[in-house]
Amino acid sequence: MRDYLNEALGLVDGSGRVKDVFSALNVRRAAQEGARDVGDVHCAPFVLECKDVKSPAVPMWLRQAHVEAFHAGYPYGVVVHKVRRANVRLGRVHFGVRTWTRVRTALGVSAREMRERYAFTPAVRGLDSARWYLTTDLARFAQLVADLRAAR
């Protein structure tokens, strides 16, 4: 995940080495902090909670990602669920509705543009909007990160 995102964001050279080891924009695996966990991967401005399991529990994972983003001091927490036996770029990136809206607002795009540009699909689970989320793939997430970084 980390290596794919560093490559997709143009942060590595031809041999796969990070161009600037001191850049805050590099995608990094975070050191685990115990009770004050800071997420699995930092891809500024996102904390990624990474999962590779057969049975997804996305709403619970999203709550975990939000807490870990707060602990790390990052504005956005999302979940990346690797699709088994598939290329990492096909991993599913899940956004809670509030996070998706905050990112969309930061990009200055409409909801329709956000859905179309980054191929988001909604998942509505019952009447509790806290269980709703939007999903895209890792390749489009990398483009979203690049666009968000350029907009700042």
Protein backbone atom coordinates (compact mmCIF):
# COMPACT_ATOMS: atom_id res chain seq x y z
CA MET A 1 0.00 0.00 0.00
CA ARG A 2 2.71 2.43 1.04
CA ASP A 3 4.93 1.60 -1.92
CA TYR A 4 2.05 1.79 -4.39
CA LEU A 5 0.95 5.22 -3.13
CA ASN A 6 4.50 6.61 -3.11
CA GLU A 7 4.88 5.50 -6.72
CA ALA A 8 1.43 6.74 -7.80
CA LEU A 9 2.14 10.14 -6.23
CA GLY A 10 5.49 10.43 -8.03
CA LEU A 11 7.54 10.33 -4.83
CA VAL A 12 9.98 7.60 -5.92
CA ASP A 13 12.72 7.49 -8.54
CA GLY A 14 13.13 4.91 -11.33
CA SER A 15 14.63 2.34 -8.96
CA GLY A 16 11.75 2.63 -6.49
CA ARG A 17 13.63 4.65 -3.88
CA VAL A 18 11.97 7.64 -2.24
CA LYS A 19 13.33 10.81 -3.87
CA ASP A 20 13.44 12.92 -0.69
CA VAL A 21 13.54 10.84 2.49
CA PHE A 22 12.80 13.94 4.59
CA SER A 23 9.67 15.05 2.71
CA ALA A 24 6.51 15.23 4.81
CA LEU A 25 4.57 14.21 1.68
CA ASN A 26 6.06 10.69 1.61
CA VAL A 27 3.64 7.91 2.44
CA ARG A 28 4.90 6.16 5.57
CA ARG A 29 4.01 3.27 7.83
CA ALA A 30 3.35 4.67 11.27
CA ALA A 31 4.97 3.37 14.44
CA GLN A 32 2.32 1.77 16.63
CA GLU A 33 1.51 3.77 19.74
CA GLY A 34 -0.50 1.27 21.80
CA ALA A 35 -3.63 2.80 23.35
CA ARG A 36 -3.09 6.01 21.35
CA ASP A 37 -2.71 4.26 17.99
CA VAL A 38 -2.05 6.64 15.09
CA GLY A 39 -3.15 4.40 12.21
CA ASP A 40 -1.30 2.06 9.88
CA VAL A 41 -0.17 4.36 7.06
CA HIS A 42 0.19 8.14 6.89
CA CYS A 43 -0.52 9.70 3.50
CA ALA A 44 -0.82 13.39 4.35
CA PRO A 45 -3.48 14.65 4.94
CA PHE A 46 -4.93 11.14 5.48
CA VAL A 47 -4.42 8.40 8.05
CA LEU A 48 -5.13 5.02 6.51
CA GLU A 49 -6.45 2.15 8.58
CA CYS A 50 -5.49 -0.88 6.48
CA LYS A 51 -7.40 -4.16 6.55
CA ASP A 52 -6.94 -7.51 4.83
CA VAL A 53 -9.80 -9.66 6.08
CA LYS A 54 -12.49 -11.81 4.52
CA SER A 55 -15.47 -10.26 6.34
CA PRO A 56 -15.55 -6.45 6.23
CA ALA A 57 -16.81 -4.34 9.13
CA VAL A 58 -16.48 -0.93 7.48
CA PRO A 59 -18.53 1.27 9.87
CA MET A 60 -16.53 0.00 12.87
CA TRP A 61 -13.25 0.45 10.98
CA LEU A 62 -14.19 4.00 10.03
CA ARG A 63 -14.78 4.92 13.68
CA GLN A 64 -11.32 3.50 14.43
CA ALA A 65 -9.77 5.47 11.55
CA HIS A 66 -11.28 8.75 12.79
CA VAL A 67 -9.89 8.24 16.30
CA GLU A 68 -6.47 7.33 14.94
CA ALA A 69 -6.40 10.35 12.62
CA PHE A 70 -7.17 12.55 15.64
CA HIS A 71 -4.34 10.91 17.64
CA ALA A 72 -1.93 11.47 14.72
CA GLY A 73 -3.03 15.10 14.22
CA TYR A 74 -4.30 14.50 10.69
CA PRO A 75 -7.62 15.91 9.44
CA TYR A 76 -8.92 12.79 7.67
CA GLY A 77 -9.15 9.11 8.56
CA VAL A 78 -10.13 6.50 5.96
CA VAL A 79 -10.09 2.71 5.67
CA VAL A 80 -8.32 0.72 2.96
CA HIS A 81 -9.58 -2.84 2.52
CA LYS A 82 -7.32 -4.94 0.33
CA VAL A 83 -9.14 -7.16 -2.13
CA ARG A 84 -7.77 -10.67 -1.74
CA ARG A 85 -5.76 -12.10 -4.64
CA ALA A 86 -5.98 -8.78 -6.51
CA ASN A 87 -3.49 -6.05 -7.32
CA VAL A 88 -3.10 -3.57 -4.45
CA ARG A 89 -4.34 -0.70 -6.67
CA LEU A 90 -7.76 -2.37 -6.62
CA GLY A 91 -7.97 -2.07 -2.84
CA ARG A 92 -11.19 -0.41 -1.65
CA VAL A 93 -10.88 2.96 0.12
CA HIS A 94 -13.83 3.78 2.38
CA PHE A 95 -14.77 7.31 3.50
CA GLY A 96 -17.32 8.16 6.16
CA VAL A 97 -19.91 10.63 4.89
CA ARG A 98 -18.56 13.51 7.00
CA THR A 99 -14.97 12.92 5.89
CA TRP A 100 -16.05 12.63 2.24
CA THR A 101 -17.95 15.92 2.53
CA ARG A 102 -15.02 17.70 4.19
CA VAL A 103 -12.62 16.48 1.48
CA ARG A 104 -15.09 17.44 -1.27
CA THR A 105 -15.41 20.93 0.22
CA ALA A 106 -11.62 21.29 0.47
CA LEU A 107 -11.37 20.37 -3.23
CA GLY A 108 -14.13 22.84 -4.09
CA VAL A 109 -16.16 20.35 -6.13
CA SER A 110 -19.84 19.39 -6.13
CA ALA A 111 -21.04 16.05 -4.81
CA ARG A 112 -21.72 14.91 -8.38
CA GLU A 113 -18.21 15.92 -9.53
CA MET A 114 -16.64 14.13 -6.55
CA ARG A 115 -18.58 10.91 -7.26
CA GLU A 116 -17.79 10.97 -10.97
CA ARG A 117 -14.17 12.14 -10.87
CA TYR A 118 -13.08 9.60 -8.26
CA ALA A 119 -15.68 6.86 -8.99
CA PHE A 120 -17.20 6.82 -5.51
CA THR A 121 -20.08 4.48 -4.79
CA PRO A 122 -22.30 4.93 -1.73
CA ALA A 123 -23.16 2.23 0.81
CA VAL A 124 -26.23 2.96 2.89
CA ARG A 125 -26.73 0.67 5.87
CA GLY A 126 -30.11 1.26 7.47
CA LEU A 127 -31.40 4.58 8.78
CA ASP A 128 -28.35 5.39 10.93
CA SER A 129 -26.25 7.74 8.77
CA ALA A 130 -23.22 6.98 10.97
CA ARG A 131 -23.13 3.60 9.20
CA TRP A 132 -23.14 5.11 5.70
CA TYR A 133 -19.94 5.41 3.71
CA LEU A 134 -18.56 6.01 0.21
CA THR A 135 -16.01 3.82 -1.54
CA THR A 136 -13.47 4.19 -4.34
CA ASP A 137 -10.40 2.19 -5.37
CA LEU A 138 -6.81 2.88 -4.33
CA ALA A 139 -5.78 4.14 -7.79
CA ARG A 140 -8.47 6.84 -7.75
CA PHE A 141 -7.69 7.61 -4.11
CA ALA A 142 -4.09 8.35 -5.14
CA GLN A 143 -5.42 10.85 -7.69
CA LEU A 144 -7.65 12.41 -5.02
CA VAL A 145 -4.64 12.80 -2.70
CA ALA A 146 -2.64 14.45 -5.49
CA ASP A 147 -5.52 16.82 -6.29
CA LEU A 148 -6.06 17.67 -2.63
CA ARG A 149 -2.36 18.38 -2.12
CA ALA A 150 -2.34 20.63 -5.21
CA ALA A 151 -5.42 22.54 -3.98
CA ARG A 152 -3.74 23.53 -0.71
